[in-house]
């Protein structure tokens, strides 16, 4: 949508030039008539013909602009998704294939832009017609009229009329360009209107009313939040036993598209202040289930009942702003020093503040360049905890932490005396590790078919011949701890090697924003030497012709000398 808005802003900015050009056009026409009389109608006729041609051509710009922006949107979306998952793409060896895909999308985008650029070129050529043809037509008409009246076209009248014709033609050029931009803006408005007219995201969950379950100690907000004022779709529950059920899923089929169901026949209940671990093989739907509980999955049959709207979400890939660590943790909540201190201690971030140049006031840079992978994960985790949610959903958040740090953070948050336990927060944690199974109140295991293979307490599942038992038997946790310990050593060595992380991050970020000479060399090499020479010659010719009228006093003197 940003591309559409840019098109609209450019057109709206030129509207003021448009009405001012009309005034300049009227004054220049009147002044020209005082010098050449009825011959001033010549430039008007030429301008009207050019205007009619522009009006006939410009509607095509609207059509081609929509097609071009659609291709741009597709390319940018896929490129953004690729950059966001670059590690997985590199690891799976798909970088070259996706690179070819993006190049093909770019080629399609350029192909879609050619019709619009052709219309733009035609319009620009038409806009030059008044400037090129008006002097010829005006002086030809003047000579025709003067032959009957006996008037002569002397040097004074010639160059005065030429200057006025230039004053007349210049606003016409900008007016014709504005017509093209306005037509393109109409296409951008149409795309935005189509987007806004789409069906709003439908939350398939059923939620209890906000007023009934909102926390009284959330503190003031820096901004006013909009609340949906509607009757609850769930029955009002004043019975305390009913309120112990926070999440209830019944016969749910969950999918991102209607033609492919990912999770099938899910049924489970999560009570208040429970820690639920979600286990499954890789790519079996853990993230999809968490996002369904969050209300982000569009296609759900059955029912998902959530008895709270205070939900926090923290995913495996940290989402961070280019701000300070403190601002990333607080978000838009009110700053509570006591709560903030408790959260940074529980998430084991406080020890890292001393290694950063400005502590928690260090700007982390774009995508957290100033932080290590483990630090970024803990900052994102701290933001979710700082919101003091009634329900917290975590998607494999310990995968980027070393074994000791993961154990410390887990005990500080989810242990018997952890913060989330103290706040009676219901927690659902998706993980591949078995180190924390004994601390879970409830365990849900998914199989590769997207169904619940088993669920229950750890004591019930550890001795059954199921997924939990197989994990314990195979000793997966020992391999993970060993790997994480190795990663921790590398992380510590990396942090010591980075003496000024903020300065390095800022330098890399500025280079990303401003670019360097290699980018321009790539552009010029892609253009080709012959085309660059032709373009340079055309620019020189254009610059000469554009500045030629300013040489008229010298030319006028030379003309008088020669005559």
Protein backbone atom coordinates (compact mmCIF):
# COMPACT_ATOMS: atom_id res chain seq x y z
CA UNK A 1 0.00 0.00 0.00
CA UNK A 2 2.95 2.34 0.53
CA UNK A 3 3.59 2.38 -3.24
CA UNK A 4 -0.04 3.36 -3.85
CA UNK A 5 0.18 6.13 -1.27
CA UNK A 6 3.36 7.46 -2.90
CA UNK A 7 1.55 7.68 -6.25
CA UNK A 8 -1.36 9.53 -4.63
CA UNK A 9 0.89 11.92 -2.70
CA UNK A 10 2.79 12.85 -5.85
CA UNK A 11 -0.46 13.61 -7.68
CA UNK A 12 -1.96 15.59 -4.80
CA UNK A 13 1.20 17.65 -4.48
CA UNK A 14 0.90 18.66 -8.13
CA UNK A 15 -2.71 19.86 -7.78
CA UNK A 16 -1.50 23.22 -6.44
CA UNK A 17 0.82 23.56 -9.41
CA UNK A 18 -2.16 22.82 -11.66
CA UNK A 19 -4.37 25.72 -10.58
CA UNK A 20 -1.40 28.10 -10.48
CA UNK A 21 -0.47 27.08 -14.02
CA UNK A 22 -3.98 27.97 -15.22
CA UNK A 23 -3.48 31.55 -13.98
CA UNK A 24 -0.05 31.73 -15.61
CA UNK A 25 -1.53 30.37 -18.84
CA UNK A 26 -4.25 33.03 -18.94
CA UNK A 27 -1.85 35.90 -18.25
CA UNK A 28 0.69 34.67 -20.83
CA UNK A 29 -2.06 34.33 -23.48
CA UNK A 30 -3.27 37.89 -22.84
CA UNK A 31 0.25 39.31 -23.03
CA UNK A 32 0.95 37.36 -26.21
CA UNK A 33 -2.21 38.76 -27.82
CA UNK A 34 -0.94 42.29 -27.17
CA UNK A 35 2.15 41.51 -29.27
CA UNK A 36 0.90 39.35 -32.11
CA UNK A 37 -2.84 40.01 -31.98
CA UNK A 38 -5.06 37.25 -33.36
CA UNK A 39 -2.01 35.09 -33.96
CA UNK A 40 -2.11 34.31 -30.21
CA UNK A 41 -4.90 31.87 -31.07
CA UNK A 42 -2.29 29.59 -32.66
CA UNK A 43 -0.71 28.40 -29.39
CA UNK A 44 -4.20 28.00 -27.91
CA UNK A 45 -5.25 25.71 -30.78
CA UNK A 46 -2.06 23.66 -30.46
CA UNK A 47 -2.57 23.40 -26.69
CA UNK A 48 -6.18 22.26 -27.06
CA UNK A 49 -5.17 19.54 -29.52
CA UNK A 50 -2.44 18.37 -27.14
CA UNK A 51 -4.87 18.49 -24.22
CA UNK A 52 -7.42 16.33 -26.05
CA UNK A 53 -4.70 13.81 -26.93
CA UNK A 54 -3.55 13.70 -23.31
CA UNK A 55 -7.07 13.17 -21.99
CA UNK A 56 -7.56 10.30 -24.44
CA UNK A 57 -4.27 8.61 -23.53
CA UNK A 58 -4.15 9.17 -19.75
CA UNK A 59 -6.95 6.69 -18.80
CA UNK A 60 -4.65 3.92 -19.97
CA UNK A 61 -2.25 4.94 -17.21
CA UNK A 62 -4.84 3.96 -14.59
CA UNK A 63 -5.21 0.48 -16.05
CA UNK A 64 -1.50 -0.15 -16.46
CA UNK A 65 -0.65 1.36 -13.06
CA UNK A 66 -2.87 -1.19 -11.29
CA UNK A 67 -1.27 -4.09 -13.16
CA UNK A 68 2.23 -2.80 -12.42
CA UNK A 69 1.59 -2.29 -8.70
CA UNK A 70 0.09 -5.78 -8.42
CA UNK A 71 3.32 -7.26 -9.77
CA UNK A 72 5.36 -5.05 -7.44
CA UNK A 73 3.31 -6.15 -4.46
CA UNK A 74 3.84 -9.80 -5.29
CA UNK A 75 7.60 -9.40 -5.70
CA UNK A 76 8.03 -7.38 -2.51
CA UNK A 77 5.93 -9.83 -0.50
CA UNK A 78 7.93 -12.87 -1.59
CA UNK A 79 11.24 -11.03 -1.18
CA UNK A 80 10.31 -9.97 2.35
CA UNK A 81 9.30 -13.52 3.24
CA UNK A 82 12.58 -14.84 1.85
CA UNK A 83 14.67 -12.36 3.84
CA UNK A 84 12.73 -13.19 6.99
CA UNK A 85 13.57 -16.90 6.63
CA UNK A 86 17.04 -16.55 5.13
CA UNK A 87 18.66 -18.93 7.65
CA UNK A 88 16.25 -21.75 6.89
CA UNK A 89 16.60 -21.11 3.16
CA UNK A 90 20.40 -21.20 3.33
CA UNK A 91 20.33 -24.33 5.47
CA UNK A 92 18.02 -26.16 3.09
CA UNK A 93 20.01 -25.19 -0.01
CA UNK A 94 17.12 -23.35 -1.64
CA UNK A 95 18.86 -19.98 -1.96
CA UNK A 96 19.60 -20.28 -5.68
CA UNK A 97 16.10 -21.50 -6.54
CA UNK A 98 14.43 -18.68 -4.64
CA UNK A 99 16.89 -16.18 -6.09
CA UNK A 100 15.85 -17.29 -9.57
CA UNK A 101 12.20 -16.99 -8.54
CA UNK A 102 12.69 -13.42 -7.36
CA UNK A 103 14.58 -12.52 -10.54
CA UNK A 104 11.69 -13.89 -12.58
CA UNK A 105 9.24 -11.87 -10.50
CA UNK A 106 11.36 -8.78 -11.07
CA UNK A 107 11.34 -9.48 -14.81
CA UNK A 108 7.54 -9.80 -14.70
CA UNK A 109 7.35 -6.51 -12.81
CA UNK A 110 9.49 -4.73 -15.39
CA UNK A 111 7.40 -6.23 -18.17
CA UNK A 112 4.22 -5.01 -16.47
CA UNK A 113 5.71 -1.53 -16.06
CA UNK A 114 6.49 -1.11 -19.77
CA UNK A 115 2.91 -0.25 -20.89
CA UNK A 116 2.65 2.39 -18.17
CA UNK A 117 6.03 3.83 -19.06
CA UNK A 118 5.00 3.85 -22.72
CA UNK A 119 1.90 5.87 -21.83
CA UNK A 120 4.07 8.16 -19.71
CA UNK A 121 6.49 8.65 -22.61
CA UNK A 122 3.66 9.41 -25.04
CA UNK A 123 2.16 11.91 -22.61
CA UNK A 124 5.55 13.58 -22.12
CA UNK A 125 5.98 13.80 -25.89
CA UNK A 126 2.52 15.35 -26.26
CA UNK A 127 3.36 17.80 -23.49
CA UNK A 128 6.35 19.00 -25.54
CA UNK A 129 4.20 19.75 -28.59
CA UNK A 130 2.99 23.21 -27.41
CA UNK A 131 6.55 24.30 -26.71
CA UNK A 132 7.81 23.10 -30.10
CA UNK A 133 4.87 23.95 -32.35
CA UNK A 134 3.43 27.09 -30.77
CA UNK A 135 6.16 29.46 -32.05
CA UNK A 136 5.82 28.08 -35.60
CA UNK A 137 2.02 28.31 -35.65
CA UNK A 138 1.93 31.73 -33.96
CA UNK A 139 4.48 33.34 -36.28
CA UNK A 140 2.90 31.71 -39.35
CA UNK A 141 -0.49 33.15 -38.41
CA UNK A 142 1.08 36.51 -37.68
CA UNK A 143 2.76 36.58 -41.07
CA UNK A 144 -0.54 35.68 -42.73
CA UNK A 145 -2.37 38.47 -40.91
CA UNK A 146 0.52 40.93 -41.29
CA UNK A 147 0.67 40.46 -45.06
CA UNK A 148 -2.79 42.04 -45.30
CA UNK A 149 -2.29 44.74 -42.68
CA UNK A 150 1.24 45.72 -43.62
CA UNK A 151 2.77 44.90 -40.23
CA UNK A 152 6.30 43.50 -39.99
CA UNK A 153 7.84 40.97 -37.63
CA UNK A 154 10.82 42.87 -36.28
CA UNK A 155 13.39 41.55 -33.80
CA UNK A 156 11.76 43.21 -30.76
CA UNK A 157 8.36 41.70 -31.44
CA UNK A 158 9.89 38.33 -32.41
CA UNK A 159 11.86 37.75 -29.22
CA UNK A 160 9.20 39.24 -26.96
CA UNK A 161 6.62 36.89 -28.48
CA UNK A 162 9.06 33.97 -28.19
CA UNK A 163 9.53 34.62 -24.47
CA UNK A 164 5.77 34.80 -23.94
CA UNK A 165 5.23 31.57 -25.88
CA UNK A 166 7.74 29.88 -23.58
CA UNK A 167 5.83 31.24 -20.57
CA UNK A 168 2.70 29.84 -22.17
CA UNK A 169 4.12 26.40 -23.01
CA UNK A 170 5.89 25.62 -19.74
CA UNK A 171 2.74 25.46 -17.57
CA UNK A 172 1.06 23.36 -20.25
CA UNK A 173 3.83 20.77 -19.94
CA UNK A 174 3.31 20.49 -16.17
CA UNK A 175 -0.47 20.44 -16.58
CA UNK A 176 -0.31 17.48 -18.97
CA UNK A 177 2.04 15.63 -16.62
CA UNK A 178 -0.37 16.31 -13.76
CA UNK A 179 -3.23 14.80 -15.75
CA UNK A 180 -1.19 11.61 -16.18
CA UNK A 181 -0.29 11.50 -12.47
CA UNK A 182 -3.91 12.08 -11.47
CA UNK A 183 -5.00 9.21 -13.68
CA UNK A 184 -2.38 6.97 -12.07
CA UNK A 185 -3.54 8.16 -8.64
CA UNK A 186 -7.09 7.07 -9.47
CA UNK A 187 -5.71 3.59 -10.11
CA UNK A 188 -3.93 3.67 -6.75
CA UNK A 189 -7.15 4.80 -5.06
CA UNK A 190 -8.94 1.88 -6.71
CA UNK A 191 -6.40 -0.60 -5.32
CA UNK A 192 -6.70 0.86 -1.82
CA UNK A 193 -10.49 0.83 -2.06
CA UNK A 194 -10.40 -2.83 -3.12
CA UNK A 195 -8.20 -3.63 -0.13
CA UNK A 196 -10.39 -1.74 2.33
CA UNK A 197 -13.53 -3.33 0.92
CA UNK A 198 -12.23 -6.83 1.57
CA UNK A 199 -13.82 -8.87 4.30
CA UNK A 200 -12.34 -8.07 7.68
CA UNK A 201 -10.33 -10.71 9.47
CA UNK A 202 -12.76 -12.99 11.22
CA UNK A 203 -11.72 -14.29 14.61
CA UNK A 204 -13.03 -17.84 14.76
CA UNK A 205 -12.52 -18.00 18.50
CA UNK A 206 -15.17 -17.21 21.07
CA UNK A 207 -14.00 -14.79 23.71
CA UNK A 208 -15.40 -13.56 26.98
CA UNK A 209 -16.04 -9.83 27.38
CA UNK A 210 -13.10 -7.52 28.01
CA UNK A 211 -14.57 -5.76 31.02
CA UNK A 212 -15.11 -9.01 32.90
CA UNK A 213 -11.57 -10.30 32.81
CA UNK A 214 -9.28 -7.30 32.31
CA UNK A 215 -6.52 -6.90 34.82
CA UNK A 216 -6.97 -3.93 37.16
CA UNK A 217 -3.23 -3.42 37.59
CA UNK A 218 -2.20 -2.96 33.98
CA UNK A 219 -1.32 0.68 34.56
CA UNK A 220 -1.91 3.70 32.35
CA UNK A 221 -1.19 3.56 28.66
CA UNK A 222 0.60 6.10 26.54
CA UNK A 223 -2.08 5.63 23.90
CA UNK A 224 -5.82 5.05 23.97
CA UNK A 225 -6.79 1.55 22.98
CA UNK A 226 -9.96 0.92 21.01
CA UNK A 227 -12.20 -1.71 22.51
CA UNK A 228 -14.87 -3.73 20.77
CA UNK A 229 -18.15 -3.07 22.55
CA UNK A 230 -20.28 -6.11 21.94
CA UNK A 231 -22.17 -8.75 23.80
CA UNK A 232 -20.12 -11.78 24.65
CA UNK A 233 -20.71 -14.78 22.46
CA UNK A 234 -20.05 -16.95 25.49
CA UNK A 235 -22.39 -17.31 28.41
CA UNK A 236 -21.61 -15.00 31.30
CA UNK A 237 -19.75 -17.01 33.87
CA UNK A 238 -19.76 -15.96 37.47
CA UNK A 239 -19.14 -19.45 38.82
CA UNK A 240 -15.52 -19.66 39.96
CA UNK A 241 -15.27 -23.29 38.88
CA UNK A 242 -16.16 -22.32 35.32
CA UNK A 243 -13.55 -19.59 35.32
CA UNK A 244 -10.83 -22.13 35.98
CA UNK A 245 -11.20 -23.15 32.32
CA UNK A 246 -9.24 -20.61 30.27
CA UNK A 247 -8.93 -22.36 26.90
CA UNK A 248 -11.32 -24.97 25.60
CA UNK A 249 -10.88 -26.57 22.17
CA UNK A 250 -13.57 -28.95 20.91
CA UNK A 251 -13.39 -30.99 17.68
CA UNK A 252 -11.35 -28.28 15.96
CA UNK A 253 -10.03 -28.59 12.41
CA UNK A 254 -7.50 -25.85 11.70
CA UNK A 255 -6.10 -24.78 8.34
CA UNK A 256 -4.60 -21.77 6.60
CA UNK A 257 -6.56 -22.52 3.43
CA UNK A 258 -9.82 -24.30 2.84
CA UNK A 259 -8.32 -27.01 0.66
CA UNK A 260 -5.66 -28.26 3.09
CA UNK A 261 -6.38 -29.04 6.74
CA UNK A 262 -3.27 -29.01 8.95
CA UNK A 263 -4.69 -29.96 12.37
CA UNK A 264 -7.62 -32.34 12.78
CA UNK A 265 -10.08 -33.27 15.53
CA UNK A 266 -8.35 -31.36 18.32
CA UNK A 267 -9.99 -31.38 21.74
CA UNK A 268 -8.38 -30.28 25.00
CA UNK A 269 -8.93 -28.02 27.99
CA UNK A 270 -6.42 -25.68 29.63
CA UNK A 271 -7.02 -24.46 33.16
CA UNK A 272 -6.01 -21.22 34.80
CA UNK A 273 -2.38 -20.93 35.93
CA UNK A 274 -1.43 -24.11 34.10
CA UNK A 275 1.81 -24.67 32.21
CA UNK A 276 1.01 -26.66 29.08
CA UNK A 277 3.83 -28.03 26.92
CA UNK A 278 3.11 -28.66 23.26
CA UNK A 279 5.29 -31.37 21.71
CA UNK A 280 5.44 -32.81 18.21
CA UNK A 281 7.88 -33.78 15.47
CA UNK A 282 9.21 -30.95 13.33
CA UNK A 283 6.64 -29.32 11.00
CA UNK A 284 3.65 -31.01 12.61
CA UNK A 285 1.60 -27.90 13.39
CA UNK A 286 2.71 -26.57 16.78
CA UNK A 287 2.99 -22.98 15.50
CA UNK A 288 -0.31 -23.27 13.66
CA UNK A 289 -2.07 -24.40 16.84
CA UNK A 290 -0.61 -21.51 18.84
CA UNK A 291 -1.65 -19.00 16.19
CA UNK A 292 -5.13 -20.53 16.15
CA UNK A 293 -5.33 -19.90 19.90
CA UNK A 294 -4.16 -16.36 19.14
CA UNK A 295 -6.89 -15.93 16.53
CA UNK A 296 -4.62 -15.60 13.50
CA UNK A 297 -5.66 -18.71 11.55
CA UNK A 298 -8.55 -17.93 9.17
CA UNK A 299 -10.13 -21.37 8.74
CA UNK A 300 -11.35 -23.17 11.83
CA UNK A 301 -14.21 -25.59 12.25
CA UNK A 302 -15.36 -26.85 15.61
CA UNK A 303 -14.84 -24.40 18.45
CA UNK A 304 -12.00 -22.62 20.21
CA UNK A 305 -13.15 -20.82 23.36
CA UNK A 306 -10.74 -18.36 24.99
CA UNK A 307 -11.88 -16.90 28.31
CA UNK A 308 -9.54 -13.93 28.21
CA UNK A 309 -8.39 -11.15 25.90
CA UNK A 310 -5.13 -10.41 27.68
CA UNK A 311 -2.90 -12.67 25.55
CA UNK A 312 0.86 -12.36 24.99
CA UNK A 313 2.66 -13.94 22.04
CA UNK A 314 6.36 -14.62 21.58
CA UNK A 315 7.59 -16.56 18.57
CA UNK A 316 10.84 -18.27 17.74
CA UNK A 317 12.06 -15.46 15.46
CA UNK A 318 12.25 -12.31 17.63
CA UNK A 319 10.39 -9.25 16.38
CA UNK A 320 12.24 -6.12 17.53
CA UNK A 321 12.05 -2.40 16.81
CA UNK A 322 14.99 -0.16 16.02
CA UNK A 323 14.82 1.42 19.47
CA UNK A 324 16.42 0.97 22.86
CA UNK A 325 16.24 -2.30 24.76
CA UNK A 326 13.99 -0.71 27.38
CA UNK A 327 11.56 0.60 24.77
CA UNK A 328 11.42 -2.83 23.15
CA UNK A 329 10.56 -4.46 26.46
CA UNK A 330 8.02 -1.88 27.60
CA UNK A 331 6.33 -1.51 24.23
CA UNK A 332 3.34 0.81 24.64
CA UNK A 333 2.77 -0.04 28.29
CA UNK A 334 3.29 2.30 31.21
CA UNK A 335 6.80 2.10 32.66
CA UNK A 336 6.79 0.43 36.07
CA UNK A 337 10.35 0.35 37.53
CA UNK A 338 9.58 -2.48 39.95
CA UNK A 339 7.90 -4.62 37.31
CA UNK A 340 10.63 -3.82 34.78
CA UNK A 341 13.37 -4.87 37.19
CA UNK A 342 11.58 -8.11 38.01
CA UNK A 343 11.12 -8.96 34.34
CA UNK A 344 14.71 -8.28 33.24
CA UNK A 345 15.99 -10.35 36.15
CA UNK A 346 13.61 -13.21 35.42
CA UNK A 347 14.57 -13.21 31.73
CA UNK A 348 18.27 -13.08 32.67
CA UNK A 349 18.92 -9.92 30.65
CA UNK A 350 20.30 -7.72 33.40
CA UNK A 351 23.74 -9.34 33.23
CA UNK A 352 24.00 -8.32 29.56
CA UNK A 353 23.40 -4.63 30.24
CA UNK A 354 26.94 -4.22 31.56
CA UNK A 355 28.38 -5.50 28.28
CA UNK A 356 26.49 -2.93 26.22
CA UNK A 357 27.76 0.66 25.84
CA UNK A 358 24.61 2.30 27.26
CA UNK A 359 23.01 -0.57 29.15
CA UNK A 360 19.30 -0.94 28.52
CA UNK A 361 19.32 2.43 26.72
CA UNK A 362 21.39 0.93 23.90
CA UNK A 363 19.71 1.26 20.52
CA UNK A 364 19.65 -2.28 19.15
CA UNK A 365 19.65 -1.28 15.48
CA UNK A 366 17.62 -2.65 12.62
CA UNK A 367 16.45 -6.20 13.43
CA UNK A 368 18.53 -6.14 16.62
CA UNK A 369 21.97 -5.92 14.98
CA UNK A 370 23.60 -4.84 18.25
CA UNK A 371 22.45 -7.99 20.06
CA UNK A 372 23.33 -11.65 19.82
CA UNK A 373 20.72 -14.24 18.95
CA UNK A 374 20.17 -15.22 22.56
CA UNK A 375 19.88 -11.60 23.68
CA UNK A 376 17.30 -10.83 21.01
CA UNK A 377 15.24 -13.84 22.07
CA UNK A 378 15.29 -12.82 25.73
CA UNK A 379 14.31 -9.22 24.93
CA UNK A 380 11.31 -10.48 22.96
CA UNK A 381 10.47 -12.86 25.80
CA UNK A 382 10.72 -10.02 28.32
CA UNK A 383 8.28 -7.89 26.30
CA UNK A 384 5.69 -10.66 26.41
CA UNK A 385 6.17 -11.13 30.15
CA UNK A 386 6.14 -7.38 30.92
CA UNK A 387 2.59 -7.10 29.58
CA UNK A 388 1.42 -9.29 32.51
CA UNK A 389 -0.86 -11.38 30.32
CA UNK A 390 -3.61 -13.70 31.46
CA UNK A 391 -2.61 -16.11 28.68
CA UNK A 392 0.95 -16.41 27.33
CA UNK A 393 1.80 -18.33 24.15
CA UNK A 394 5.46 -19.15 23.47
CA UNK A 395 6.72 -20.81 20.29
CA UNK A 396 10.00 -22.63 20.97
CA UNK A 397 11.55 -19.56 22.61
CA UNK A 398 14.38 -21.51 24.26
CA UNK A 399 15.85 -22.86 21.03
CA UNK A 400 18.23 -19.89 20.74
CA UNK A 401 19.48 -20.02 24.34
CA UNK A 402 22.26 -22.08 25.85
CA UNK A 403 21.35 -24.82 28.32
CA UNK A 404 22.19 -22.92 31.51
CA UNK A 405 20.43 -19.72 30.45
CA UNK A 406 17.38 -21.65 29.25
CA UNK A 407 17.15 -23.46 32.60
CA UNK A 408 17.51 -20.18 34.54
CA UNK A 409 14.87 -18.35 32.49
CA UNK A 410 12.49 -21.31 32.67
CA UNK A 411 12.70 -21.51 36.45
CA UNK A 412 12.35 -17.73 36.85
CA UNK A 413 9.22 -17.64 34.69
CA UNK A 414 7.55 -21.05 34.78
CA UNK A 415 8.92 -22.63 37.95
CA UNK A 416 6.93 -22.99 41.15
CA UNK A 417 7.93 -19.45 42.18
CA UNK A 418 8.21 -18.00 38.69
CA UNK A 419 6.67 -14.68 37.72
CA UNK A 420 4.00 -16.17 35.50
CA UNK A 421 3.05 -18.62 38.24
CA UNK A 422 2.73 -15.75 40.71
CA UNK A 423 0.46 -13.86 38.31
CA UNK A 424 -1.73 -16.94 37.69
CA UNK A 425 -0.89 -16.73 34.00
CA UNK A 426 -1.92 -19.62 31.79
CA UNK A 427 1.04 -20.60 29.62
CA UNK A 428 1.24 -22.73 26.48
CA UNK A 429 4.84 -23.46 25.44
CA UNK A 430 5.71 -25.22 22.19
CA UNK A 431 9.10 -26.90 22.42
CA UNK A 432 11.24 -29.74 21.13
CA UNK A 433 13.14 -30.11 24.40
CA UNK A 434 12.26 -32.66 27.08
CA UNK A 435 14.22 -30.94 29.85
CA UNK A 436 11.15 -29.17 31.22
CA UNK A 437 8.56 -31.93 30.90
CA UNK A 438 8.51 -32.70 34.60
CA UNK A 439 7.49 -29.09 35.38
CA UNK A 440 4.46 -29.16 33.07
CA UNK A 441 0.92 -29.39 34.41
CA UNK A 442 -0.31 -30.80 31.12
CA UNK A 443 1.37 -32.13 27.97
CA UNK A 444 -0.15 -32.24 24.49
CA UNK A 445 1.56 -34.25 21.76
CA UNK A 446 0.78 -33.88 18.05
CA UNK A 447 1.66 -36.46 15.43
CA UNK A 448 2.65 -35.88 11.81
CA UNK A 449 -0.98 -36.20 10.72
CA UNK A 450 -1.93 -33.12 12.76
CA UNK A 451 -3.86 -35.05 15.41
CA UNK A 452 -3.35 -35.31 19.15
CA UNK A 453 -1.50 -38.57 19.72
CA UNK A 454 -1.53 -38.29 23.50
CA UNK A 455 -2.12 -35.79 26.28
CA UNK A 456 -1.99 -35.76 30.04
CA UNK A 457 0.46 -35.19 32.88
CA UNK A 458 4.12 -36.10 32.71
CA UNK A 459 3.71 -38.91 35.21
CA UNK A 460 0.94 -40.41 33.08
CA UNK A 461 2.80 -40.20 29.78
CA UNK A 462 6.39 -41.07 30.66
CA UNK A 463 5.65 -44.77 31.10
CA UNK A 464 3.26 -45.18 28.18
CA UNK A 465 4.50 -46.24 24.78
CA UNK A 466 4.01 -42.84 23.17
CA UNK A 467 5.85 -39.78 21.89
CA UNK A 468 6.98 -38.56 25.33
CA UNK A 469 8.35 -41.97 26.20
CA UNK A 470 10.23 -42.14 22.90
CA UNK A 471 11.81 -38.73 23.53
CA UNK A 472 12.98 -39.79 26.96
CA UNK A 473 14.25 -43.10 25.66
CA UNK A 474 16.19 -41.63 22.77
CA UNK A 475 17.84 -39.02 25.00
CA UNK A 476 17.12 -36.12 22.65
CA UNK A 477 17.59 -33.66 25.46
CA UNK A 478 21.23 -34.63 25.99
CA UNK A 479 22.07 -33.88 22.36
CA UNK A 480 20.26 -30.54 22.55
CA UNK A 481 22.06 -29.51 25.75
CA UNK A 482 25.40 -30.38 24.19
CA UNK A 483 24.62 -28.36 21.08
CA UNK A 484 23.33 -25.41 23.06
CA UNK A 485 26.43 -25.44 25.27
CA UNK A 486 28.62 -25.23 22.18
CA UNK A 487 26.50 -22.36 20.87
CA UNK A 488 26.90 -20.61 24.22
CA UNK A 489 30.68 -20.74 23.98
CA UNK A 490 30.55 -19.28 20.48
CA UNK A 491 28.12 -16.61 21.61
CA UNK A 492 30.32 -15.54 24.53
CA UNK A 493 33.39 -15.41 22.27
CA UNK A 494 31.47 -13.37 19.74
CA UNK A 495 30.34 -10.88 22.38
CA UNK A 496 33.92 -10.41 23.60
CA UNK A 497 35.17 -9.86 20.08
CA UNK A 498 32.61 -7.15 19.47
CA UNK A 499 34.13 -4.28 21.42
CA UNK A 500 31.73 -1.52 20.31
CA UNK A 501 28.59 -3.47 19.21
CA UNK A 502 26.44 -0.36 18.98
CA UNK A 503 28.91 1.48 16.79
CA UNK A 504 29.36 -1.54 14.52
CA UNK A 505 25.61 -2.02 14.27
CA UNK A 506 25.07 1.65 13.46
CA UNK A 507 27.73 1.54 10.73
CA UNK A 508 26.16 -1.54 9.15
CA UNK A 509 22.71 0.01 9.42
CA UNK A 510 23.81 3.29 7.80
CA UNK A 511 25.44 1.33 4.98
CA UNK A 512 22.20 -0.58 4.49
CA UNK A 513 20.19 2.67 4.35
CA UNK A 514 22.55 4.71 2.16
CA UNK A 515 24.05 1.94 0.06
CA UNK A 516 27.55 2.04 -1.42
CA UNK A 517 29.27 2.35 -4.77
CA UNK A 518 28.81 -1.33 -5.62
CA UNK A 519 25.06 -0.80 -5.95
CA UNK A 520 25.49 2.00 -8.49
CA UNK A 521 28.15 0.08 -10.40
CA UNK A 522 25.73 -2.82 -10.67
CA UNK A 523 22.99 -0.52 -11.99
CA UNK A 524 25.27 1.05 -14.60
CA UNK A 525 26.65 -2.32 -15.73
CA UNK A 526 23.09 -3.63 -16.12
CA UNK A 527 22.19 -0.65 -18.33
CA UNK A 528 24.99 -1.30 -20.79
CA UNK A 529 27.63 1.02 -22.20
CA UNK A 530 25.82 1.90 -25.45
CA UNK A 531 22.60 2.86 -23.71
CA UNK A 532 24.52 4.94 -21.17
CA UNK A 533 26.24 6.87 -23.98
CA UNK A 534 22.94 7.46 -25.79
CA UNK A 535 21.33 8.61 -22.56
CA UNK A 536 24.21 10.98 -21.83
CA UNK A 537 24.02 12.50 -25.35
CA UNK A 538 20.26 12.98 -25.06
CA UNK A 539 20.69 14.64 -21.67
CA UNK A 540 23.26 17.06 -23.11
CA UNK A 541 20.97 17.93 -26.01
CA UNK A 542 18.05 18.42 -23.65
CA UNK A 543 20.10 20.65 -21.34
CA UNK A 544 21.18 22.79 -24.31
CA UNK A 545 17.66 23.18 -25.68
CA UNK A 546 16.29 23.87 -22.20
CA UNK A 547 18.76 26.70 -21.60
CA UNK A 548 18.67 28.03 -25.17
CA UNK A 549 15.88 30.59 -24.56
CA UNK A 550 17.97 32.23 -21.84
CA UNK A 551 20.51 33.08 -24.56
CA UNK A 552 17.93 35.16 -26.44
CA UNK A 553 19.43 38.60 -25.56
CA UNK A 554 22.74 37.64 -27.21
CA UNK A 555 20.99 36.05 -30.17
CA UNK A 556 18.80 39.14 -30.52
CA UNK A 557 21.89 41.38 -30.66
CA UNK A 558 23.48 39.10 -33.25
CA UNK A 559 20.27 39.11 -35.28
CA UNK A 560 20.14 42.93 -35.29
CA UNK A 561 23.79 43.15 -36.33
CA UNK A 562 23.31 40.75 -39.22
CA UNK A 563 20.15 42.50 -40.45
